[in-house]
Amino acid sequence: MDLMRLVGRNVRRIRREQRLTQEQLADRCDHSQQYVSDLERGKQNATLKSIAAIAAALEVSHLELFRDVNDKG
């Protein structure tokens, strides 16, 4: 799977599990709502700094954003 799409899907999944809107997440990690939207759709290539900020805002390990939840192995 494309890494940008994988990170985006995980951000969306975790954000929804926490019942956050894109705007709420954006406020927590000091990014725009449009950035979060683009990231979740795999249209935005996140920097390591952004990955760290988003993971902290979601209160998860940065590694969780790279986890393939569909991988059975």
PDB file of N, CA and C in Angstrom:
ATOM      1  N   MET A   1       0.835  -1.180   0.000  1.00  0.00           N
ATOM      2  CA  MET A   1       0.000   0.000   0.000  1.00  0.00           C
ATOM      3  C   MET A   1       0.882   1.246   0.000  1.00  0.00           C
ATOM      4  N   ASP A   2       0.416   2.259  -0.645  1.00  0.00           N
ATOM      5  CA  ASP A   2       1.077   3.547  -0.689  1.00  0.00           C
ATOM      6  C   ASP A   2       1.183   4.103   0.732  1.00  0.00           C
ATOM      7  N   LEU A   3       2.363   4.554   1.117  1.00  0.00           N
ATOM      8  CA  LEU A   3       2.605   5.016   2.482  1.00  0.00           C
ATOM      9  C   LEU A   3       1.777   6.249   2.838  1.00  0.00           C
ATOM     10  N   MET A   4       1.618   7.181   1.908  1.00  0.00           N
ATOM     11  CA  MET A   4       0.812   8.372   2.182  1.00  0.00           C
ATOM     12  C   MET A   4      -0.638   7.988   2.456  1.00  0.00           C
ATOM     13  N   ARG A   5      -1.157   7.043   1.691  1.00  0.00           N
ATOM     14  CA  ARG A   5      -2.536   6.589   1.902  1.00  0.00           C
ATOM     15  C   ARG A   5      -2.671   5.834   3.219  1.00  0.00           C
ATOM     16  N   LEU A   6      -1.666   5.032   3.563  1.00  0.00           N
ATOM     17  CA  LEU A   6      -1.692   4.279   4.809  1.00  0.00           C
ATOM     18  C   LEU A   6      -1.742   5.224   6.010  1.00  0.00           C
ATOM     19  N   VAL A   7      -0.866   6.209   6.019  1.00  0.00           N
ATOM     20  CA  VAL A   7      -0.854   7.187   7.114  1.00  0.00           C
ATOM     21  C   VAL A   7      -2.194   7.922   7.161  1.00  0.00           C
ATOM     22  N   GLY A   8      -2.680   8.336   6.017  1.00  0.00           N
ATOM     23  CA  GLY A   8      -3.958   9.048   5.965  1.00  0.00           C
ATOM     24  C   GLY A   8      -5.119   8.230   6.491  1.00  0.00           C
ATOM     25  N   ARG A   9      -5.167   6.970   6.106  1.00  0.00           N
ATOM     26  CA  ARG A   9      -6.250   6.098   6.590  1.00  0.00           C
ATOM     27  C   ARG A   9      -6.173   5.919   8.098  1.00  0.00           C
ATOM     28  N   ASN A  10      -4.954   5.787   8.615  1.00  0.00           N
ATOM     29  CA  ASN A  10      -4.803   5.614  10.057  1.00  0.00           C
ATOM     30  C   ASN A  10      -5.160   6.882  10.819  1.00  0.00           C
ATOM     31  N   VAL A  11      -4.779   8.033  10.298  1.00  0.00           N
ATOM     32  CA  VAL A  11      -5.158   9.290  10.941  1.00  0.00           C
ATOM     33  C   VAL A  11      -6.681   9.395  10.982  1.00  0.00           C
ATOM     34  N   ARG A  12      -7.333   9.120   9.863  1.00  0.00           N
ATOM     35  CA  ARG A  12      -8.800   9.190   9.811  1.00  0.00           C
ATOM     36  C   ARG A  12      -9.436   8.187  10.784  1.00  0.00           C
ATOM     37  N   ARG A  13      -8.938   6.956  10.781  1.00  0.00           N
ATOM     38  CA  ARG A  13      -9.497   5.915  11.655  1.00  0.00           C
ATOM     39  C   ARG A  13      -9.383   6.316  13.124  1.00  0.00           C
ATOM     40  N   ILE A  14      -8.207   6.746  13.524  1.00  0.00           N
ATOM     41  CA  ILE A  14      -7.983   7.103  14.930  1.00  0.00           C
ATOM     42  C   ILE A  14      -8.781   8.352  15.296  1.00  0.00           C
ATOM     43  N   ARG A  15      -8.801   9.322  14.404  1.00  0.00           N
ATOM     44  CA  ARG A  15      -9.567  10.553  14.662  1.00  0.00           C
ATOM     45  C   ARG A  15     -11.042  10.216  14.867  1.00  0.00           C
ATOM     46  N   ARG A  16     -11.594   9.380  14.016  1.00  0.00           N
ATOM     47  CA  ARG A  16     -13.003   9.000  14.139  1.00  0.00           C
ATOM     48  C   ARG A  16     -13.266   8.192  15.400  1.00  0.00           C
ATOM     49  N   GLU A  17     -12.335   7.291  15.752  1.00  0.00           N
ATOM     50  CA  GLU A  17     -12.489   6.516  16.984  1.00  0.00           C
ATOM     51  C   GLU A  17     -12.558   7.440  18.197  1.00  0.00           C
ATOM     52  N   GLN A  18     -11.833   8.551  18.115  1.00  0.00           N
ATOM     53  CA  GLN A  18     -11.811   9.512  19.222  1.00  0.00           C
ATOM     54  C   GLN A  18     -12.918  10.565  19.090  1.00  0.00           C
ATOM     55  N   ARG A  19     -13.740  10.404  18.066  1.00  0.00           N
ATOM     56  CA  ARG A  19     -14.864  11.308  17.817  1.00  0.00           C
ATOM     57  C   ARG A  19     -14.432  12.770  17.688  1.00  0.00           C
ATOM     58  N   LEU A  20     -13.335  12.960  16.963  1.00  0.00           N
ATOM     59  CA  LEU A  20     -12.834  14.307  16.685  1.00  0.00           C
ATOM     60  C   LEU A  20     -13.190  14.701  15.260  1.00  0.00           C
ATOM     61  N   THR A  21     -13.454  15.969  15.057  1.00  0.00           N
ATOM     62  CA  THR A  21     -13.603  16.473  13.696  1.00  0.00           C
ATOM     63  C   THR A  21     -12.223  16.787  13.137  1.00  0.00           C
ATOM     64  N   GLN A  22     -12.156  16.965  11.831  1.00  0.00           N
ATOM     65  CA  GLN A  22     -10.891  17.367  11.228  1.00  0.00           C
ATOM     66  C   GLN A  22     -10.432  18.700  11.800  1.00  0.00           C
ATOM     67  N   GLU A  23     -11.355  19.597  12.030  1.00  0.00           N
ATOM     68  CA  GLU A  23     -11.011  20.909  12.575  1.00  0.00           C
ATOM     69  C   GLU A  23     -10.449  20.796  13.993  1.00  0.00           C
ATOM     70  N   GLN A  24     -11.029  19.935  14.803  1.00  0.00           N
ATOM     71  CA  GLN A  24     -10.525  19.744  16.164  1.00  0.00           C
ATOM     72  C   GLN A  24      -9.113  19.179  16.149  1.00  0.00           C
ATOM     73  N   LEU A  25      -8.888  18.192  15.289  1.00  0.00           N
ATOM     74  CA  LEU A  25      -7.547  17.634  15.177  1.00  0.00           C
ATOM     75  C   LEU A  25      -6.572  18.692  14.667  1.00  0.00           C
ATOM     76  N   ALA A  26      -6.980  19.451  13.675  1.00  0.00           N
ATOM     77  CA  ALA A  26      -6.124  20.498  13.123  1.00  0.00           C
ATOM     78  C   ALA A  26      -5.717  21.496  14.210  1.00  0.00           C
ATOM     79  N   ASP A  27      -6.662  21.890  15.046  1.00  0.00           N
ATOM     80  CA  ASP A  27      -6.358  22.815  16.139  1.00  0.00           C
ATOM     81  C   ASP A  27      -5.354  22.215  17.111  1.00  0.00           C
ATOM     82  N   ARG A  28      -5.502  20.934  17.396  1.00  0.00           N
ATOM     83  CA  ARG A  28      -4.608  20.270  18.355  1.00  0.00           C
ATOM     84  C   ARG A  28      -3.174  20.147  17.843  1.00  0.00           C
ATOM     85  N   CYS A  29      -3.017  20.000  16.529  1.00  0.00           N
ATOM     86  CA  CYS A  29      -1.665  19.778  15.990  1.00  0.00           C
ATOM     87  C   CYS A  29      -1.137  20.983  15.210  1.00  0.00           C
ATOM     88  N   ASP A  30      -1.848  22.116  15.304  1.00  0.00           N
ATOM     89  CA  ASP A  30      -1.404  23.368  14.696  1.00  0.00           C
ATOM     90  C   ASP A  30      -1.250  23.271  13.178  1.00  0.00           C
ATOM     91  N   HIS A  31      -2.227  22.619  12.551  1.00  0.00           N
ATOM     92  CA  HIS A  31      -2.312  22.541  11.095  1.00  0.00           C
ATOM     93  C   HIS A  31      -3.694  23.028  10.682  1.00  0.00           C
ATOM     94  N   SER A  32      -3.876  23.255   9.412  1.00  0.00           N
ATOM     95  CA  SER A  32      -5.196  23.668   8.928  1.00  0.00           C
ATOM     96  C   SER A  32      -6.094  22.446   8.749  1.00  0.00           C
ATOM     97  N   GLN A  33      -7.395  22.700   8.717  1.00  0.00           N
ATOM     98  CA  GLN A  33      -8.348  21.625   8.456  1.00  0.00           C
ATOM     99  C   GLN A  33      -8.102  21.067   7.067  1.00  0.00           C
ATOM    100  N   GLN A  34      -7.745  21.911   6.114  1.00  0.00           N
ATOM    101  CA  GLN A  34      -7.480  21.462   4.744  1.00  0.00           C
ATOM    102  C   GLN A  34      -6.280  20.518   4.703  1.00  0.00           C
ATOM    103  N   TYR A  35      -5.252  20.805   5.496  1.00  0.00           N
ATOM    104  CA  TYR A  35      -4.083  19.933   5.570  1.00  0.00           C
ATOM    105  C   TYR A  35      -4.496  18.546   6.075  1.00  0.00           C
ATOM    106  N   VAL A  36      -5.284  18.521   7.149  1.00  0.00           N
ATOM    107  CA  VAL A  36      -5.745  17.240   7.704  1.00  0.00           C
ATOM    108  C   VAL A  36      -6.571  16.489   6.670  1.00  0.00           C
ATOM    109  N   SER A  37      -7.458  17.194   5.985  1.00  0.00           N
ATOM    110  CA  SER A  37      -8.286  16.573   4.948  1.00  0.00           C
ATOM    111  C   SER A  37      -7.415  15.976   3.842  1.00  0.00           C
ATOM    112  N   ASP A  38      -6.465  16.753   3.354  1.00  0.00           N
ATOM    113  CA  ASP A  38      -5.573  16.270   2.297  1.00  0.00           C
ATOM    114  C   ASP A  38      -4.739  15.079   2.768  1.00  0.00           C
ATOM    115  N   LEU A  39      -4.283  15.135   3.998  1.00  0.00           N
ATOM    116  CA  LEU A  39      -3.494  14.036   4.556  1.00  0.00           C
ATOM    117  C   LEU A  39      -4.330  12.758   4.616  1.00  0.00           C
ATOM    118  N   GLU A  40      -5.553  12.869   5.108  1.00  0.00           N
ATOM    119  CA  GLU A  40      -6.419  11.699   5.234  1.00  0.00           C
ATOM    120  C   GLU A  40      -6.760  11.090   3.880  1.00  0.00           C
ATOM    121  N   ARG A  41      -6.800  11.897   2.850  1.00  0.00           N
ATOM    122  CA  ARG A  41      -7.109  11.395   1.507  1.00  0.00           C
ATOM    123  C   ARG A  41      -5.864  10.950   0.745  1.00  0.00           C
ATOM    124  N   GLY A  42      -4.689  11.004   1.386  1.00  0.00           N
ATOM    125  CA  GLY A  42      -3.462  10.576   0.736  1.00  0.00           C
ATOM    126  C   GLY A  42      -2.950  11.571  -0.282  1.00  0.00           C
ATOM    127  N   LYS A  43      -3.377  12.815  -0.178  1.00  0.00           N
ATOM    128  CA  LYS A  43      -2.973  13.857  -1.126  1.00  0.00           C
ATOM    129  C   LYS A  43      -1.848  14.725  -0.583  1.00  0.00           C
ATOM    130  N   GLN A  44      -1.570  14.594   0.706  1.00  0.00           N
ATOM    131  CA  GLN A  44      -0.554  15.411   1.364  1.00  0.00           C
ATOM    132  C   GLN A  44       0.539  14.510   1.918  1.00  0.00           C
ATOM    133  N   ASN A  45       1.780  14.834   1.606  1.00  0.00           N
ATOM    134  CA  ASN A  45       2.922  14.079   2.116  1.00  0.00           C
ATOM    135  C   ASN A  45       3.375  14.713   3.420  1.00  0.00           C
ATOM    136  N   ALA A  46       3.148  14.046   4.532  1.00  0.00           N
ATOM    137  CA  ALA A  46       3.458  14.598   5.846  1.00  0.00           C
ATOM    138  C   ALA A  46       4.956  14.544   6.132  1.00  0.00           C
ATOM    139  N   THR A  47       5.442  15.577   6.781  1.00  0.00           N
ATOM    140  CA  THR A  47       6.827  15.588   7.241  1.00  0.00           C
ATOM    141  C   THR A  47       6.916  14.815   8.554  1.00  0.00           C
ATOM    142  N   LEU A  48       8.115  14.493   8.969  1.00  0.00           N
ATOM    143  CA  LEU A  48       8.295  13.822  10.254  1.00  0.00           C
ATOM    144  C   LEU A  48       7.784  14.695  11.398  1.00  0.00           C
ATOM    145  N   LYS A  49       7.987  15.993  11.278  1.00  0.00           N
ATOM    146  CA  LYS A  49       7.500  16.925  12.295  1.00  0.00           C
ATOM    147  C   LYS A  49       5.975  16.878  12.373  1.00  0.00           C
ATOM    148  N   SER A  50       5.320  16.822  11.224  1.00  0.00           N
ATOM    149  CA  SER A  50       3.857  16.741  11.194  1.00  0.00           C
ATOM    150  C   SER A  50       3.368  15.422  11.761  1.00  0.00           C
ATOM    151  N   ILE A  51       4.038  14.335  11.403  1.00  0.00           N
ATOM    152  CA  ILE A  51       3.675  13.013  11.938  1.00  0.00           C
ATOM    153  C   ILE A  51       3.746  13.033  13.460  1.00  0.00           C
ATOM    154  N   ALA A  52       4.816  13.599  14.001  1.00  0.00           N
ATOM    155  CA  ALA A  52       4.981  13.670  15.456  1.00  0.00           C
ATOM    156  C   ALA A  52       3.885  14.519  16.085  1.00  0.00           C
ATOM    157  N   ALA A  53       3.553  15.647  15.475  1.00  0.00           N
ATOM    158  CA  ALA A  53       2.523  16.533  16.017  1.00  0.00           C
ATOM    159  C   ALA A  53       1.143  15.881  15.974  1.00  0.00           C
ATOM    160  N   ILE A  54       0.847  15.204  14.885  1.00  0.00           N
ATOM    161  CA  ILE A  54      -0.457  14.545  14.747  1.00  0.00           C
ATOM    162  C   ILE A  54      -0.571  13.387  15.727  1.00  0.00           C
ATOM    163  N   ALA A  55       0.478  12.597  15.849  1.00  0.00           N
ATOM    164  CA  ALA A  55       0.462  11.487  16.804  1.00  0.00           C
ATOM    165  C   ALA A  55       0.274  12.008  18.226  1.00  0.00           C
ATOM    166  N   ALA A  56       0.959  13.077  18.578  1.00  0.00           N
ATOM    167  CA  ALA A  56       0.813  13.657  19.913  1.00  0.00           C
ATOM    168  C   ALA A  56      -0.608  14.180  20.116  1.00  0.00           C
ATOM    169  N   ALA A  57      -1.166  14.818  19.096  1.00  0.00           N
ATOM    170  CA  ALA A  57      -2.532  15.344  19.187  1.00  0.00           C
ATOM    171  C   ALA A  57      -3.549  14.228  19.360  1.00  0.00           C
ATOM    172  N   LEU A  58      -3.272  13.077  18.749  1.00  0.00           N
ATOM    173  CA  LEU A  58      -4.163  11.923  18.859  1.00  0.00           C
ATOM    174  C   LEU A  58      -3.835  11.048  20.069  1.00  0.00           C
ATOM    175  N   GLU A  59      -2.741  11.390  20.754  1.00  0.00           N
ATOM    176  CA  GLU A  59      -2.278  10.644  21.924  1.00  0.00           C
ATOM    177  C   GLU A  59      -1.994   9.182  21.608  1.00  0.00           C
ATOM    178  N   VAL A  60      -1.302   8.975  20.477  1.00  0.00           N
ATOM    179  CA  VAL A  60      -0.866   7.631  20.075  1.00  0.00           C
ATOM    180  C   VAL A  60       0.609   7.707  19.691  1.00  0.00           C
ATOM    181  N   SER A  61       1.239   6.558  19.606  1.00  0.00           N
ATOM    182  CA  SER A  61       2.613   6.492  19.118  1.00  0.00           C
ATOM    183  C   SER A  61       2.631   6.840  17.632  1.00  0.00           C
ATOM    184  N   HIS A  62       3.704   7.476  17.209  1.00  0.00           N
ATOM    185  CA  HIS A  62       3.848   7.763  15.779  1.00  0.00           C
ATOM    186  C   HIS A  62       3.823   6.471  14.960  1.00  0.00           C
ATOM    187  N   LEU A  63       4.249   5.374  15.555  1.00  0.00           N
ATOM    188  CA  LEU A  63       4.257   4.088  14.855  1.00  0.00           C
ATOM    189  C   LEU A  63       2.846   3.619  14.511  1.00  0.00           C
ATOM    190  N   GLU A  64       1.880   4.019  15.326  1.00  0.00           N
ATOM    191  CA  GLU A  64       0.487   3.638  15.068  1.00  0.00           C
ATOM    192  C   GLU A  64       0.001   4.206  13.736  1.00  0.00           C
ATOM    193  N   LEU A  65       0.557   5.314  13.315  1.00  0.00           N
ATOM    194  CA  LEU A  65       0.146   5.932  12.047  1.00  0.00           C
ATOM    195  C   LEU A  65       0.669   5.165  10.842  1.00  0.00           C
ATOM    196  N   PHE A  66       1.655   4.305  11.053  1.00  0.00           N
ATOM    197  CA  PHE A  66       2.238   3.510   9.962  1.00  0.00           C
ATOM    198  C   PHE A  66       1.776   2.052   9.990  1.00  0.00           C
ATOM    199  N   ARG A  67       0.935   1.709  10.950  1.00  0.00           N
ATOM    200  CA  ARG A  67       0.500   0.315  11.104  1.00  0.00           C
ATOM    201  C   ARG A  67      -0.543  -0.044  10.046  1.00  0.00           C
ATOM    202  N   ASP A  68      -0.326  -1.169   9.405  1.00  0.00           N
ATOM    203  CA  ASP A  68      -1.293  -1.654   8.414  1.00  0.00           C
ATOM    204  C   ASP A  68      -2.292  -2.555   9.128  1.00  0.00           C
ATOM    205  N   VAL A  69      -3.456  -2.008   9.428  1.00  0.00           N
ATOM    206  CA  VAL A  69      -4.473  -2.764  10.181  1.00  0.00           C
ATOM    207  C   VAL A  69      -5.068  -3.885   9.358  1.00  0.00           C
ATOM    208  N   ASN A  70      -4.859  -3.872   8.044  1.00  0.00           N
ATOM    209  CA  ASN A  70      -5.362  -4.933   7.167  1.00  0.00           C
ATOM    210  C   ASN A  70      -4.357  -6.057   6.981  1.00  0.00           C
ATOM    211  N   ASP A  71      -3.131  -5.881   7.502  1.00  0.00           N
ATOM    212  CA  ASP A  71      -2.086  -6.886   7.342  1.00  0.00           C
ATOM    213  C   ASP A  71      -2.349  -8.035   8.315  1.00  0.00           C
ATOM    214  N   LYS A  72      -2.528  -9.204   7.764  1.00  0.00           N
ATOM    215  CA  LYS A  72      -2.835 -10.383   8.597  1.00  0.00           C
ATOM    216  C   LYS A  72      -1.570 -11.060   9.131  1.00  0.00           C
ATOM    217  N   GLY A  73      -0.390 -10.634   8.663  1.00  0.00           N
ATOM    218  CA  GLY A  73       0.852 -11.298   9.040  1.00  0.00           C
ATOM    219  C   GLY A  73       1.528 -10.750  10.166  1.00  0.00           C
TER     220      GLY A  73
END
